[in-house]
PDB file of N, CA and C in Angstrom:
ATOM      1  N   MET A   1       0.833  -1.191   0.000  1.00  0.00           N
ATOM      2  CA  MET A   1       0.000   0.000   0.000  1.00  0.00           C
ATOM      3  C   MET A   1       0.869   1.242   0.000  1.00  0.00           C
ATOM      4  N   GLN A   2       1.520   1.450  -1.058  1.00  0.00           N
ATOM      5  CA  GLN A   2       2.415   2.572  -1.177  1.00  0.00           C
ATOM      6  C   GLN A   2       1.638   3.880  -1.109  1.00  0.00           C
ATOM      7  N   GLY A   3       2.230   4.854  -0.398  1.00  0.00           N
ATOM      8  CA  GLY A   3       1.614   6.165  -0.299  1.00  0.00           C
ATOM      9  C   GLY A   3       0.608   6.305   0.833  1.00  0.00           C
ATOM     10  N   ARG A   4       0.263   5.226   1.496  1.00  0.00           N
ATOM     11  CA  ARG A   4      -0.709   5.296   2.580  1.00  0.00           C
ATOM     12  C   ARG A   4       0.005   5.688   3.875  1.00  0.00           C
ATOM     13  N   ILE A   5      -0.558   6.612   4.610  1.00  0.00           N
ATOM     14  CA  ILE A   5       0.019   7.055   5.883  1.00  0.00           C
ATOM     15  C   ILE A   5      -0.670   6.317   7.016  1.00  0.00           C
ATOM     16  N   HIS A   6       0.145   5.694   7.865  1.00  0.00           N
ATOM     17  CA  HIS A   6      -0.397   4.974   9.016  1.00  0.00           C
ATOM     18  C   HIS A   6      -0.264   5.856  10.254  1.00  0.00           C
ATOM     19  N   ARG A   7      -1.319   6.021  10.980  1.00  0.00           N
ATOM     20  CA  ARG A   7      -1.306   6.811  12.208  1.00  0.00           C
ATOM     21  C   ARG A   7      -1.137   5.866  13.395  1.00  0.00           C
ATOM     22  N   TYR A   8      -0.112   6.107  14.185  1.00  0.00           N
ATOM     23  CA  TYR A   8       0.138   5.289  15.363  1.00  0.00           C
ATOM     24  C   TYR A   8      -0.465   5.974  16.571  1.00  0.00           C
ATOM     25  N   LYS A   9      -1.175   5.196  17.376  1.00  0.00           N
ATOM     26  CA  LYS A   9      -1.842   5.761  18.534  1.00  0.00           C
ATOM     27  C   LYS A   9      -1.269   5.147  19.793  1.00  0.00           C
ATOM     28  N   ARG A  10      -0.856   5.993  20.720  1.00  0.00           N
ATOM     29  CA  ARG A  10      -0.330   5.536  21.993  1.00  0.00           C
ATOM     30  C   ARG A  10      -1.497   5.399  22.968  1.00  0.00           C
ATOM     31  N   PRO A  11      -1.648   4.208  23.582  1.00  0.00           N
ATOM     32  CA  PRO A  11      -2.706   4.053  24.586  1.00  0.00           C
ATOM     33  C   PRO A  11      -2.445   4.965  25.786  1.00  0.00           C
ATOM     34  N   ASP A  12      -3.495   5.307  26.515  1.00  0.00           N
ATOM     35  CA  ASP A  12      -3.315   6.152  27.693  1.00  0.00           C
ATOM     36  C   ASP A  12      -2.599   5.354  28.798  1.00  0.00           C
ATOM     37  N   ASN A  13      -2.051   6.072  29.774  1.00  0.00           N
ATOM     38  CA  ASN A  13      -1.260   5.438  30.827  1.00  0.00           C
ATOM     39  C   ASN A  13      -2.053   4.431  31.655  1.00  0.00           C
ATOM     40  N   ASP A  14      -3.336   4.687  31.886  1.00  0.00           N
ATOM     41  CA  ASP A  14      -4.154   3.728  32.644  1.00  0.00           C
ATOM     42  C   ASP A  14      -4.244   2.395  31.906  1.00  0.00           C
ATOM     43  N   THR A  15      -4.426   2.445  30.608  1.00  0.00           N
ATOM     44  CA  THR A  15      -4.477   1.225  29.797  1.00  0.00           C
ATOM     45  C   THR A  15      -3.135   0.504  29.836  1.00  0.00           C
ATOM     46  N   LEU A  16      -2.054   1.253  29.682  1.00  0.00           N
ATOM     47  CA  LEU A  16      -0.726   0.642  29.717  1.00  0.00           C
ATOM     48  C   LEU A  16      -0.439   0.018  31.079  1.00  0.00           C
ATOM     49  N   LYS A  17      -0.855   0.672  32.137  1.00  0.00           N
ATOM     50  CA  LYS A  17      -0.616   0.136  33.484  1.00  0.00           C
ATOM     51  C   LYS A  17      -1.334  -1.193  33.674  1.00  0.00           C
ATOM     52  N   ARG A  18      -2.525  -1.318  33.086  1.00  0.00           N
ATOM     53  CA  ARG A  18      -3.284  -2.579  33.178  1.00  0.00           C
ATOM     54  C   ARG A  18      -2.662  -3.676  32.324  1.00  0.00           C
ATOM     55  N   GLU A  19      -2.115  -3.308  31.166  1.00  0.00           N
ATOM     56  CA  GLU A  19      -1.676  -4.309  30.200  1.00  0.00           C
ATOM     57  C   GLU A  19      -0.203  -4.702  30.293  1.00  0.00           C
ATOM     58  N   LEU A  20       0.631  -3.864  30.888  1.00  0.00           N
ATOM     59  CA  LEU A  20       2.062  -4.155  30.971  1.00  0.00           C
ATOM     60  C   LEU A  20       2.436  -4.697  32.343  1.00  0.00           C
ATOM     61  N   ALA A  21       3.437  -5.548  32.376  1.00  0.00           N
ATOM     62  CA  ALA A  21       3.993  -5.995  33.648  1.00  0.00           C
ATOM     63  C   ALA A  21       4.579  -4.768  34.351  1.00  0.00           C
ATOM     64  N   PRO A  22       4.606  -4.755  35.691  1.00  0.00           N
ATOM     65  CA  PRO A  22       5.097  -3.571  36.417  1.00  0.00           C
ATOM     66  C   PRO A  22       6.493  -3.101  35.981  1.00  0.00           C
ATOM     67  N   GLU A  23       7.420  -4.014  35.761  1.00  0.00           N
ATOM     68  CA  GLU A  23       8.770  -3.619  35.351  1.00  0.00           C
ATOM     69  C   GLU A  23       8.747  -2.966  33.974  1.00  0.00           C
ATOM     70  N   ARG A  24       7.989  -3.524  33.044  1.00  0.00           N
ATOM     71  CA  ARG A  24       7.902  -2.944  31.694  1.00  0.00           C
ATOM     72  C   ARG A  24       7.247  -1.562  31.738  1.00  0.00           C
ATOM     73  N   TYR A  25       6.208  -1.412  32.558  1.00  0.00           N
ATOM     74  CA  TYR A  25       5.553  -0.110  32.695  1.00  0.00           C
ATOM     75  C   TYR A  25       6.553   0.930  33.196  1.00  0.00           C
ATOM     76  N   HIS A  26       7.321   0.552  34.217  1.00  0.00           N
ATOM     77  CA  HIS A  26       8.309   1.472  34.781  1.00  0.00           C
ATOM     78  C   HIS A  26       9.328   1.895  33.724  1.00  0.00           C
ATOM     79  N   ILE A  27       9.810   0.950  32.949  1.00  0.00           N
ATOM     80  CA  ILE A  27      10.827   1.232  31.935  1.00  0.00           C
ATOM     81  C   ILE A  27      10.241   2.030  30.766  1.00  0.00           C
ATOM     82  N   MET A  28       9.090   1.616  30.286  1.00  0.00           N
ATOM     83  CA  MET A  28       8.545   2.191  29.060  1.00  0.00           C
ATOM     84  C   MET A  28       7.755   3.481  29.253  1.00  0.00           C
ATOM     85  N   VAL A  29       7.156   3.657  30.428  1.00  0.00           N
ATOM     86  CA  VAL A  29       6.303   4.832  30.642  1.00  0.00           C
ATOM     87  C   VAL A  29       6.949   5.829  31.604  1.00  0.00           C
ATOM     88  N   GLU A  30       7.589   5.311  32.650  1.00  0.00           N
ATOM     89  CA  GLU A  30       8.163   6.183  33.678  1.00  0.00           C
ATOM     90  C   GLU A  30       9.654   6.464  33.442  1.00  0.00           C
ATOM     91  N   ASN A  31      10.155   6.087  32.274  1.00  0.00           N
ATOM     92  CA  ASN A  31      11.556   6.316  31.909  1.00  0.00           C
ATOM     93  C   ASN A  31      12.535   5.656  32.875  1.00  0.00           C
ATOM     94  N   GLY A  32      12.160   4.491  33.382  1.00  0.00           N
ATOM     95  CA  GLY A  32      13.056   3.728  34.240  1.00  0.00           C
ATOM     96  C   GLY A  32      14.123   3.041  33.407  1.00  0.00           C
ATOM     97  N   THR A  33      14.989   2.323  34.072  1.00  0.00           N
ATOM     98  CA  THR A  33      16.037   1.598  33.373  1.00  0.00           C
ATOM     99  C   THR A  33      15.991   0.128  33.762  1.00  0.00           C
ATOM    100  N   GLU A  34      16.602  -0.695  32.954  1.00  0.00           N
ATOM    101  CA  GLU A  34      16.721  -2.114  33.259  1.00  0.00           C
ATOM    102  C   GLU A  34      18.183  -2.421  33.508  1.00  0.00           C
ATOM    103  N   TYR A  35      18.453  -3.563  34.098  1.00  0.00           N
ATOM    104  CA  TYR A  35      19.835  -3.952  34.342  1.00  0.00           C
ATOM    105  C   TYR A  35      20.557  -4.121  33.011  1.00  0.00           C
ATOM    106  N   PRO A  36      21.825  -3.670  32.929  1.00  0.00           N
ATOM    107  CA  PRO A  36      22.568  -3.819  31.675  1.00  0.00           C
ATOM    108  C   PRO A  36      22.688  -5.280  31.251  1.00  0.00           C
ATOM    109  N   PHE A  37      22.622  -5.500  29.972  1.00  0.00           N
ATOM    110  CA  PHE A  37      22.801  -6.821  29.369  1.00  0.00           C
ATOM    111  C   PHE A  37      21.779  -7.840  29.869  1.00  0.00           C
ATOM    112  N   SER A  38      20.600  -7.383  30.257  1.00  0.00           N
ATOM    113  CA  SER A  38      19.624  -8.291  30.860  1.00  0.00           C
ATOM    114  C   SER A  38      18.476  -8.682  29.935  1.00  0.00           C
ATOM    115  N   ASN A  39      18.269  -7.952  28.843  1.00  0.00           N
ATOM    116  CA  ASN A  39      17.141  -8.335  27.991  1.00  0.00           C
ATOM    117  C   ASN A  39      17.622  -9.186  26.818  1.00  0.00           C
ATOM    118  N   LYS A  40      16.690  -9.823  26.169  1.00  0.00           N
ATOM    119  CA  LYS A  40      17.057 -10.775  25.118  1.00  0.00           C
ATOM    120  C   LYS A  40      17.598 -10.117  23.854  1.00  0.00           C
ATOM    121  N   TYR A  41      17.510  -8.803  23.755  1.00  0.00           N
ATOM    122  CA  TYR A  41      17.971  -8.117  22.551  1.00  0.00           C
ATOM    123  C   TYR A  41      19.294  -7.377  22.724  1.00  0.00           C
ATOM    124  N   TRP A  42      19.933  -7.474  23.865  1.00  0.00           N
ATOM    125  CA  TRP A  42      21.131  -6.669  24.107  1.00  0.00           C
ATOM    126  C   TRP A  42      22.247  -6.980  23.115  1.00  0.00           C
ATOM    127  N   ASP A  43      22.322  -8.206  22.637  1.00  0.00           N
ATOM    128  CA  ASP A  43      23.364  -8.576  21.684  1.00  0.00           C
ATOM    129  C   ASP A  43      22.732  -9.211  20.443  1.00  0.00           C
ATOM    130  N   PHE A  44      21.568  -8.736  20.101  1.00  0.00           N
ATOM    131  CA  PHE A  44      20.814  -9.293  18.989  1.00  0.00           C
ATOM    132  C   PHE A  44      21.411  -8.831  17.674  1.00  0.00           C
ATOM    133  N   GLY A  45      21.637  -9.755  16.750  1.00  0.00           N
ATOM    134  CA  GLY A  45      22.241  -9.397  15.478  1.00  0.00           C
ATOM    135  C   GLY A  45      21.365  -9.686  14.279  1.00  0.00           C
ATOM    136  N   GLY A  46      20.114 -10.079  14.522  1.00  0.00           N
ATOM    137  CA  GLY A  46      19.227 -10.408  13.418  1.00  0.00           C
ATOM    138  C   GLY A  46      18.797  -9.190  12.625  1.00  0.00           C
ATOM    139  N   GLU A  47      18.343  -9.463  11.399  1.00  0.00           N
ATOM    140  CA  GLU A  47      17.872  -8.375  10.547  1.00  0.00           C
ATOM    141  C   GLU A  47      16.401  -8.092  10.811  1.00  0.00           C
ATOM    142  N   GLY A  48      16.031  -6.851  10.604  1.00  0.00           N
ATOM    143  CA  GLY A  48      14.636  -6.480  10.769  1.00  0.00           C
ATOM    144  C   GLY A  48      14.486  -5.010  11.080  1.00  0.00           C
ATOM    145  N   VAL A  49      13.290  -4.651  11.473  1.00  0.00           N
ATOM    146  CA  VAL A  49      12.977  -3.268  11.817  1.00  0.00           C
ATOM    147  C   VAL A  49      12.630  -3.224  13.296  1.00  0.00           C
ATOM    148  N   TYR A  50      13.275  -2.328  14.016  1.00  0.00           N
ATOM    149  CA  TYR A  50      12.983  -2.124  15.425  1.00  0.00           C
ATOM    150  C   TYR A  50      11.764  -1.206  15.521  1.00  0.00           C
ATOM    151  N   VAL A  51      10.823  -1.575  16.380  1.00  0.00           N
ATOM    152  CA  VAL A  51       9.590  -0.802  16.503  1.00  0.00           C
ATOM    153  C   VAL A  51       9.375  -0.370  17.951  1.00  0.00           C
ATOM    154  N   ASP A  52       8.618   0.702  18.126  1.00  0.00           N
ATOM    155  CA  ASP A  52       8.228   1.156  19.452  1.00  0.00           C
ATOM    156  C   ASP A  52       7.366   0.071  20.089  1.00  0.00           C
ATOM    157  N   ALA A  53       7.720  -0.362  21.290  1.00  0.00           N
ATOM    158  CA  ALA A  53       7.013  -1.466  21.941  1.00  0.00           C
ATOM    159  C   ALA A  53       5.594  -1.103  22.352  1.00  0.00           C
ATOM    160  N   ILE A  54       5.282   0.156  22.439  1.00  0.00           N
ATOM    161  CA  ILE A  54       3.931   0.571  22.832  1.00  0.00           C
ATOM    162  C   ILE A  54       3.046   0.780  21.608  1.00  0.00           C
ATOM    163  N   THR A  55       3.529   1.513  20.621  1.00  0.00           N
ATOM    164  CA  THR A  55       2.676   1.867  19.481  1.00  0.00           C
ATOM    165  C   THR A  55       2.873   0.971  18.263  1.00  0.00           C
ATOM    166  N   GLY A  56       4.022   0.310  18.187  1.00  0.00           N
ATOM    167  CA  GLY A  56       4.328  -0.477  17.002  1.00  0.00           C
ATOM    168  C   GLY A  56       4.913   0.352  15.869  1.00  0.00           C
ATOM    169  N   GLU A  57       5.150   1.631  16.121  1.00  0.00           N
ATOM    170  CA  GLU A  57       5.698   2.518  15.102  1.00  0.00           C
ATOM    171  C   GLU A  57       7.142   2.121  14.780  1.00  0.00           C
ATOM    172  N   PRO A  58       7.498   1.993  13.508  1.00  0.00           N
ATOM    173  CA  PRO A  58       8.876   1.669  13.138  1.00  0.00           C
ATOM    174  C   PRO A  58       9.836   2.758  13.612  1.00  0.00           C
ATOM    175  N   LEU A  59      10.981   2.343  14.176  1.00  0.00           N
ATOM    176  CA  LEU A  59      11.972   3.296  14.663  1.00  0.00           C
ATOM    177  C   LEU A  59      13.209   3.330  13.772  1.00  0.00           C
ATOM    178  N   PHE A  60      13.810   2.161  13.523  1.00  0.00           N
ATOM    179  CA  PHE A  60      14.969   2.105  12.654  1.00  0.00           C
ATOM    180  C   PHE A  60      15.193   0.675  12.190  1.00  0.00           C
ATOM    181  N   SER A  61      15.958   0.547  11.143  1.00  0.00           N
ATOM    182  CA  SER A  61      16.275  -0.753  10.571  1.00  0.00           C
ATOM    183  C   SER A  61      17.549  -1.299  11.206  1.00  0.00           C
ATOM    184  N   SER A  62      17.661  -2.614  11.267  1.00  0.00           N
ATOM    185  CA  SER A  62      18.888  -3.227  11.771  1.00  0.00           C
ATOM    186  C   SER A  62      20.081  -2.848  10.898  1.00  0.00           C
ATOM    187  N   ARG A  63      19.835  -2.466   9.672  1.00  0.00           N
ATOM    188  CA  ARG A  63      20.921  -2.024   8.788  1.00  0.00           C
ATOM    189  C   ARG A  63      21.551  -0.727   9.277  1.00  0.00           C
ATOM    190  N   ASP A  64      20.786   0.050  10.067  1.00  0.00           N
ATOM    191  CA  ASP A  64      21.277   1.319  10.600  1.00  0.00           C
ATOM    192  C   ASP A  64      21.885   1.186  11.991  1.00  0.00           C
ATOM    193  N   LYS A  65      21.807  -0.005  12.575  1.00  0.00           N
ATOM    194  CA  LYS A  65      22.264  -0.232  13.943  1.00  0.00           C
ATOM    195  C   LYS A  65      23.783  -0.191  14.004  1.00  0.00           C
ATOM    196  N   LEU A  66      24.303   0.493  15.009  1.00  0.00           N
ATOM    197  CA  LEU A  66      25.741   0.580  15.218  1.00  0.00           C
ATOM    198  C   LEU A  66      26.293  -0.781  15.643  1.00  0.00           C
ATOM    199  N   VAL A  67      27.338  -1.196  15.015  1.00  0.00           N
ATOM    200  CA  VAL A  67      28.015  -2.427  15.387  1.00  0.00           C
ATOM    201  C   VAL A  67      29.365  -2.029  15.970  1.00  0.00           C
ATOM    202  N   SER A  68      29.521  -2.242  17.268  1.00  0.00           N
ATOM    203  CA  SER A  68      30.782  -1.882  17.904  1.00  0.00           C
ATOM    204  C   SER A  68      31.590  -3.142  18.174  1.00  0.00           C
ATOM    205  N   SER A  69      32.865  -2.970  18.371  1.00  0.00           N
ATOM    206  CA  SER A  69      33.696  -4.148  18.618  1.00  0.00           C
ATOM    207  C   SER A  69      34.307  -4.113  20.000  1.00  0.00           C
TER     208      SER A  69
END
């Protein structure tokens, strides 16, 4: 569907609080942090598009991801 604009809608905080685990809510809504190297994507090298976990909006491609040594 080329040329079609998709509108992403962020649910309100009450909805997110009901639907997310407490740790995820803290990290994603309250700008909390998680322990370093603790999530399954910290060293992920697969191809794809990274999306906002709340809205599903595309953020960046794995082709644009920094690869450090």
